[in-house]
Amino acid sequence: MSFFEEQLKKGIFHICNCKKCNLVFWPTQNMCSKCGENTSWEESSYKGTIIEFSNKDSEFFGLVEINENIRMLGKIISSETPHIGQFVNMKVGFEDRPVYTFTVEKN
């Protein structure tokens, strides 16, 4: 299991970046494709914005852009219909694969 997956199991989402080139990599990679330096890890802010969403039955799913300019798919937890541009908090896990859940922030 990779460092990234091990951290997801602990509920921690790390951002992979190159400090020399100031680039963020998603998906993660061990080496910068621009300069060849090893990448480093920083913990995410866990904050994001809903870009798109849909629903099935009473569950919402969507594309969220977290503050580090990374877009990811996941379940959106909300008591009401979410809307594009709404702020969310991210929770992560790992259950045979990465799991991303976004909870709508209360106003």
N, C-alpha and C. Protein backbone atom coordinates (compact mmCIF):
# COMPACT_ATOMS: atom_id res chain seq x y z
N MET A 1 0.84 -1.18 0.00
CA MET A 1 0.00 0.00 0.00
C MET A 1 0.89 1.25 0.00
N SER A 2 0.51 2.23 -0.77
CA SER A 2 1.30 3.46 -0.89
C SER A 2 1.11 4.37 0.33
N PHE A 3 2.02 5.32 0.48
CA PHE A 3 1.92 6.32 1.55
C PHE A 3 0.56 7.02 1.49
N PHE A 4 0.15 7.42 0.28
CA PHE A 4 -1.12 8.12 0.08
C PHE A 4 -2.28 7.27 0.60
N GLU A 5 -2.33 5.99 0.24
CA GLU A 5 -3.41 5.11 0.68
C GLU A 5 -3.37 4.87 2.19
N GLU A 6 -2.16 4.72 2.75
CA GLU A 6 -2.03 4.54 4.20
C GLU A 6 -2.59 5.75 4.95
N GLN A 7 -2.31 6.95 4.43
CA GLN A 7 -2.81 8.16 5.06
C GLN A 7 -4.33 8.27 4.94
N LEU A 8 -4.88 7.86 3.78
CA LEU A 8 -6.35 7.86 3.62
C LEU A 8 -7.00 6.97 4.67
N LYS A 9 -6.40 5.81 4.94
CA LYS A 9 -6.94 4.89 5.96
C LYS A 9 -7.02 5.58 7.32
N LYS A 10 -6.11 6.52 7.57
CA LYS A 10 -6.08 7.27 8.83
C LYS A 10 -6.98 8.51 8.77
N GLY A 11 -7.63 8.74 7.61
CA GLY A 11 -8.50 9.90 7.47
C GLY A 11 -7.75 11.17 7.09
N ILE A 12 -6.53 11.02 6.56
CA ILE A 12 -5.70 12.17 6.21
C ILE A 12 -5.53 12.23 4.70
N PHE A 13 -5.78 13.40 4.11
CA PHE A 13 -5.61 13.60 2.68
C PHE A 13 -4.39 14.48 2.46
N HIS A 14 -3.39 13.92 1.79
CA HIS A 14 -2.17 14.65 1.50
C HIS A 14 -2.16 15.12 0.05
N ILE A 15 -1.64 16.32 -0.15
CA ILE A 15 -1.45 16.91 -1.47
C ILE A 15 0.00 16.65 -1.88
N CYS A 16 0.18 16.18 -3.10
CA CYS A 16 1.50 15.90 -3.65
C CYS A 16 1.95 17.10 -4.48
N ASN A 17 3.14 17.62 -4.17
CA ASN A 17 3.59 18.80 -4.92
C ASN A 17 5.10 18.83 -5.09
N CYS A 18 5.54 19.71 -5.99
CA CYS A 18 6.96 19.98 -6.18
C CYS A 18 7.21 21.39 -5.65
N LYS A 19 8.01 21.48 -4.62
CA LYS A 19 8.30 22.78 -4.02
C LYS A 19 9.15 23.64 -4.96
N LYS A 20 10.01 23.02 -5.75
CA LYS A 20 10.89 23.76 -6.66
C LYS A 20 10.08 24.43 -7.77
N CYS A 21 9.13 23.70 -8.36
CA CYS A 21 8.34 24.22 -9.50
C CYS A 21 7.00 24.81 -9.07
N ASN A 22 6.65 24.64 -7.79
CA ASN A 22 5.37 25.13 -7.27
C ASN A 22 4.19 24.51 -8.04
N LEU A 23 4.27 23.19 -8.29
CA LEU A 23 3.21 22.46 -8.99
C LEU A 23 2.55 21.47 -8.05
N VAL A 24 1.24 21.26 -8.22
CA VAL A 24 0.49 20.25 -7.49
C VAL A 24 0.19 19.12 -8.47
N PHE A 25 0.34 17.86 -8.01
CA PHE A 25 0.10 16.71 -8.87
C PHE A 25 -1.09 15.90 -8.40
N TRP A 26 -2.02 15.69 -9.32
CA TRP A 26 -3.17 14.82 -9.08
C TRP A 26 -3.47 14.10 -10.36
N PRO A 27 -3.41 12.78 -10.40
CA PRO A 27 -3.09 11.92 -9.26
C PRO A 27 -1.64 12.10 -8.80
N THR A 28 -1.38 11.57 -7.62
CA THR A 28 -0.08 11.75 -7.00
C THR A 28 1.02 11.07 -7.82
N GLN A 29 2.24 11.58 -7.69
CA GLN A 29 3.40 10.96 -8.33
C GLN A 29 4.63 11.24 -7.50
N ASN A 30 5.63 10.38 -7.63
CA ASN A 30 6.83 10.47 -6.80
C ASN A 30 7.84 11.49 -7.31
N MET A 31 7.76 11.83 -8.59
CA MET A 31 8.75 12.71 -9.18
C MET A 31 8.06 13.79 -10.02
N CYS A 32 8.58 15.01 -9.95
CA CYS A 32 8.05 16.13 -10.73
C CYS A 32 8.31 15.88 -12.22
N SER A 33 7.27 15.99 -13.03
CA SER A 33 7.41 15.76 -14.47
C SER A 33 8.08 16.95 -15.17
N LYS A 34 8.23 18.07 -14.46
CA LYS A 34 8.87 19.24 -15.06
C LYS A 34 10.37 19.29 -14.78
N CYS A 35 10.76 19.12 -13.50
CA CYS A 35 12.18 19.27 -13.14
C CYS A 35 12.86 17.97 -12.72
N GLY A 36 12.08 16.92 -12.45
CA GLY A 36 12.66 15.64 -12.06
C GLY A 36 12.95 15.48 -10.59
N GLU A 37 12.67 16.51 -9.78
CA GLU A 37 12.89 16.44 -8.33
C GLU A 37 11.82 15.55 -7.69
N ASN A 38 12.16 14.99 -6.52
CA ASN A 38 11.17 14.23 -5.76
C ASN A 38 10.07 15.17 -5.28
N THR A 39 8.85 14.67 -5.28
CA THR A 39 7.73 15.47 -4.79
C THR A 39 7.66 15.36 -3.27
N SER A 40 6.90 16.25 -2.67
CA SER A 40 6.71 16.23 -1.23
C SER A 40 5.22 16.23 -0.92
N TRP A 41 4.88 16.09 0.35
CA TRP A 41 3.49 15.95 0.77
C TRP A 41 3.13 17.03 1.77
N GLU A 42 1.90 17.55 1.64
CA GLU A 42 1.33 18.48 2.61
C GLU A 42 -0.11 18.08 2.85
N GLU A 43 -0.55 18.24 4.08
CA GLU A 43 -1.93 17.89 4.39
C GLU A 43 -2.89 18.91 3.78
N SER A 44 -4.01 18.42 3.30
CA SER A 44 -5.03 19.25 2.66
C SER A 44 -5.72 20.16 3.67
N SER A 45 -6.38 21.18 3.15
CA SER A 45 -7.22 22.05 3.97
C SER A 45 -8.57 21.41 4.26
N TYR A 46 -8.94 20.38 3.47
CA TYR A 46 -10.22 19.67 3.58
C TYR A 46 -11.42 20.56 3.24
N LYS A 47 -11.18 21.67 2.58
CA LYS A 47 -12.25 22.60 2.19
C LYS A 47 -12.40 22.57 0.68
N GLY A 48 -13.62 22.74 0.19
CA GLY A 48 -13.83 22.74 -1.24
C GLY A 48 -15.13 23.40 -1.64
N THR A 49 -15.41 23.33 -2.95
CA THR A 49 -16.59 23.94 -3.54
C THR A 49 -17.23 22.95 -4.52
N ILE A 50 -18.54 22.87 -4.50
CA ILE A 50 -19.25 21.98 -5.42
C ILE A 50 -19.19 22.57 -6.83
N ILE A 51 -18.71 21.75 -7.80
CA ILE A 51 -18.63 22.15 -9.20
C ILE A 51 -19.85 21.64 -9.96
N GLU A 52 -20.20 20.38 -9.75
CA GLU A 52 -21.37 19.75 -10.36
C GLU A 52 -21.91 18.71 -9.39
N PHE A 53 -23.19 18.36 -9.52
CA PHE A 53 -23.73 17.29 -8.69
C PHE A 53 -24.94 16.67 -9.38
N SER A 54 -25.28 15.48 -8.92
CA SER A 54 -26.49 14.81 -9.36
C SER A 54 -27.01 14.01 -8.18
N ASN A 55 -28.16 13.40 -8.35
CA ASN A 55 -28.69 12.61 -7.26
C ASN A 55 -29.33 11.33 -7.79
N LYS A 56 -29.36 10.36 -6.91
CA LYS A 56 -30.05 9.10 -7.16
C LYS A 56 -30.79 8.79 -5.87
N ASP A 57 -32.09 8.63 -6.01
CA ASP A 57 -32.95 8.48 -4.84
C ASP A 57 -32.75 9.70 -3.95
N SER A 58 -32.34 9.52 -2.71
CA SER A 58 -32.15 10.69 -1.84
C SER A 58 -30.67 10.97 -1.56
N GLU A 59 -29.77 10.39 -2.38
CA GLU A 59 -28.34 10.61 -2.19
C GLU A 59 -27.79 11.52 -3.27
N PHE A 60 -26.84 12.37 -2.88
CA PHE A 60 -26.20 13.30 -3.80
C PHE A 60 -24.75 12.89 -4.03
N PHE A 61 -24.30 13.03 -5.27
CA PHE A 61 -22.93 12.75 -5.66
C PHE A 61 -22.46 13.92 -6.50
N GLY A 62 -21.17 14.19 -6.47
CA GLY A 62 -20.74 15.32 -7.28
C GLY A 62 -19.26 15.46 -7.46
N LEU A 63 -18.94 16.46 -8.27
CA LEU A 63 -17.56 16.86 -8.52
C LEU A 63 -17.28 18.08 -7.65
N VAL A 64 -16.24 17.96 -6.84
CA VAL A 64 -15.87 19.03 -5.90
C VAL A 64 -14.43 19.43 -6.18
N GLU A 65 -14.19 20.73 -6.15
CA GLU A 65 -12.81 21.22 -6.27
C GLU A 65 -12.37 21.66 -4.89
N ILE A 66 -11.35 20.96 -4.36
CA ILE A 66 -10.84 21.37 -3.06
C ILE A 66 -9.90 22.55 -3.25
N ASN A 67 -9.62 23.25 -2.18
CA ASN A 67 -8.88 24.51 -2.24
C ASN A 67 -7.52 24.41 -2.91
N GLU A 68 -6.97 23.23 -3.00
CA GLU A 68 -5.67 23.04 -3.63
C GLU A 68 -5.80 22.84 -5.14
N ASN A 69 -6.96 23.20 -5.72
CA ASN A 69 -7.24 23.09 -7.16
C ASN A 69 -7.24 21.66 -7.67
N ILE A 70 -7.66 20.74 -6.83
CA ILE A 70 -7.80 19.34 -7.20
C ILE A 70 -9.29 19.03 -7.27
N ARG A 71 -9.72 18.43 -8.37
CA ARG A 71 -11.13 18.05 -8.52
C ARG A 71 -11.27 16.56 -8.28
N MET A 72 -12.31 16.21 -7.51
CA MET A 72 -12.54 14.81 -7.19
C MET A 72 -14.03 14.53 -7.06
N LEU A 73 -14.38 13.26 -7.26
CA LEU A 73 -15.76 12.81 -7.17
C LEU A 73 -16.02 12.21 -5.80
N GLY A 74 -17.24 12.41 -5.30
CA GLY A 74 -17.58 11.80 -4.04
C GLY A 74 -19.03 12.03 -3.68
N LYS A 75 -19.42 11.44 -2.56
CA LYS A 75 -20.76 11.58 -2.03
C LYS A 75 -20.87 12.94 -1.34
N ILE A 76 -22.00 13.62 -1.56
CA ILE A 76 -22.25 14.91 -0.91
C ILE A 76 -23.33 14.70 0.14
N ILE A 77 -23.00 15.05 1.38
CA ILE A 77 -23.94 14.90 2.50
C ILE A 77 -24.60 16.26 2.74
N SER A 78 -25.93 16.29 2.58
CA SER A 78 -26.67 17.53 2.79
C SER A 78 -28.12 17.19 3.13
N SER A 79 -28.70 17.95 4.04
CA SER A 79 -30.11 17.73 4.40
C SER A 79 -31.05 18.35 3.35
N GLU A 80 -30.50 19.23 2.53
CA GLU A 80 -31.26 19.88 1.45
C GLU A 80 -30.52 19.67 0.14
N THR A 81 -31.17 19.98 -0.96
CA THR A 81 -30.50 19.89 -2.26
C THR A 81 -29.33 20.85 -2.28
N PRO A 82 -28.11 20.33 -2.55
CA PRO A 82 -26.95 21.23 -2.62
C PRO A 82 -27.02 22.11 -3.86
N HIS A 83 -26.15 23.09 -3.95
CA HIS A 83 -26.10 23.91 -5.15
C HIS A 83 -24.65 24.17 -5.57
N ILE A 84 -24.46 24.43 -6.84
CA ILE A 84 -23.14 24.70 -7.39
C ILE A 84 -22.56 25.93 -6.69
N GLY A 85 -21.30 25.85 -6.33
CA GLY A 85 -20.63 26.95 -5.64
C GLY A 85 -20.71 26.85 -4.13
N GLN A 86 -21.47 25.90 -3.62
CA GLN A 86 -21.63 25.75 -2.18
C GLN A 86 -20.34 25.17 -1.57
N PHE A 87 -19.98 25.66 -0.38
CA PHE A 87 -18.78 25.21 0.30
C PHE A 87 -19.03 23.89 1.02
N VAL A 88 -18.00 23.02 0.99
CA VAL A 88 -18.09 21.72 1.63
C VAL A 88 -16.81 21.43 2.41
N ASN A 89 -16.92 20.50 3.35
CA ASN A 89 -15.77 19.97 4.08
C ASN A 89 -15.58 18.53 3.64
N MET A 90 -14.35 18.14 3.41
CA MET A 90 -14.04 16.81 2.90
C MET A 90 -13.64 15.87 4.03
N LYS A 91 -14.10 14.62 3.92
CA LYS A 91 -13.68 13.54 4.79
C LYS A 91 -13.19 12.42 3.88
N VAL A 92 -12.10 11.77 4.24
CA VAL A 92 -11.53 10.72 3.39
C VAL A 92 -11.41 9.41 4.14
N GLY A 93 -11.31 8.34 3.37
CA GLY A 93 -11.10 7.01 3.92
C GLY A 93 -10.58 6.09 2.84
N PHE A 94 -10.37 4.84 3.19
CA PHE A 94 -9.92 3.85 2.21
C PHE A 94 -10.57 2.53 2.55
N GLU A 95 -11.42 2.03 1.63
CA GLU A 95 -12.11 0.75 1.78
C GLU A 95 -11.98 -0.01 0.46
N ASP A 96 -10.86 -0.68 0.25
CA ASP A 96 -10.51 -1.33 -1.02
C ASP A 96 -10.21 -0.31 -2.11
N ARG A 97 -10.55 0.94 -1.89
CA ARG A 97 -10.28 2.03 -2.81
C ARG A 97 -10.48 3.33 -2.03
N PRO A 98 -9.98 4.46 -2.54
CA PRO A 98 -10.21 5.73 -1.85
C PRO A 98 -11.70 6.09 -1.79
N VAL A 99 -12.11 6.66 -0.67
CA VAL A 99 -13.50 7.10 -0.47
C VAL A 99 -13.46 8.57 -0.06
N TYR A 100 -14.21 9.40 -0.81
CA TYR A 100 -14.26 10.84 -0.53
C TYR A 100 -15.71 11.24 -0.26
N THR A 101 -15.94 11.91 0.85
CA THR A 101 -17.26 12.37 1.25
C THR A 101 -17.17 13.86 1.54
N PHE A 102 -18.17 14.59 1.09
CA PHE A 102 -18.20 16.04 1.25
C PHE A 102 -19.47 16.45 2.00
N THR A 103 -19.30 17.14 3.10
CA THR A 103 -20.43 17.62 3.89
C THR A 103 -20.62 19.11 3.64
N VAL A 104 -21.84 19.48 3.28
CA VAL A 104 -22.16 20.88 3.00
C VAL A 104 -22.01 21.69 4.27
N GLU A 105 -21.31 22.82 4.17
CA GLU A 105 -21.14 23.71 5.32
C GLU A 105 -22.45 24.42 5.62
N LYS A 106 -22.73 24.57 6.88
CA LYS A 106 -23.92 25.31 7.32
C LYS A 106 -23.61 26.80 7.20
N ASN A 107 -24.59 27.58 6.82
CA ASN A 107 -24.40 29.04 6.67
C ASN A 107 -24.23 29.71 7.99
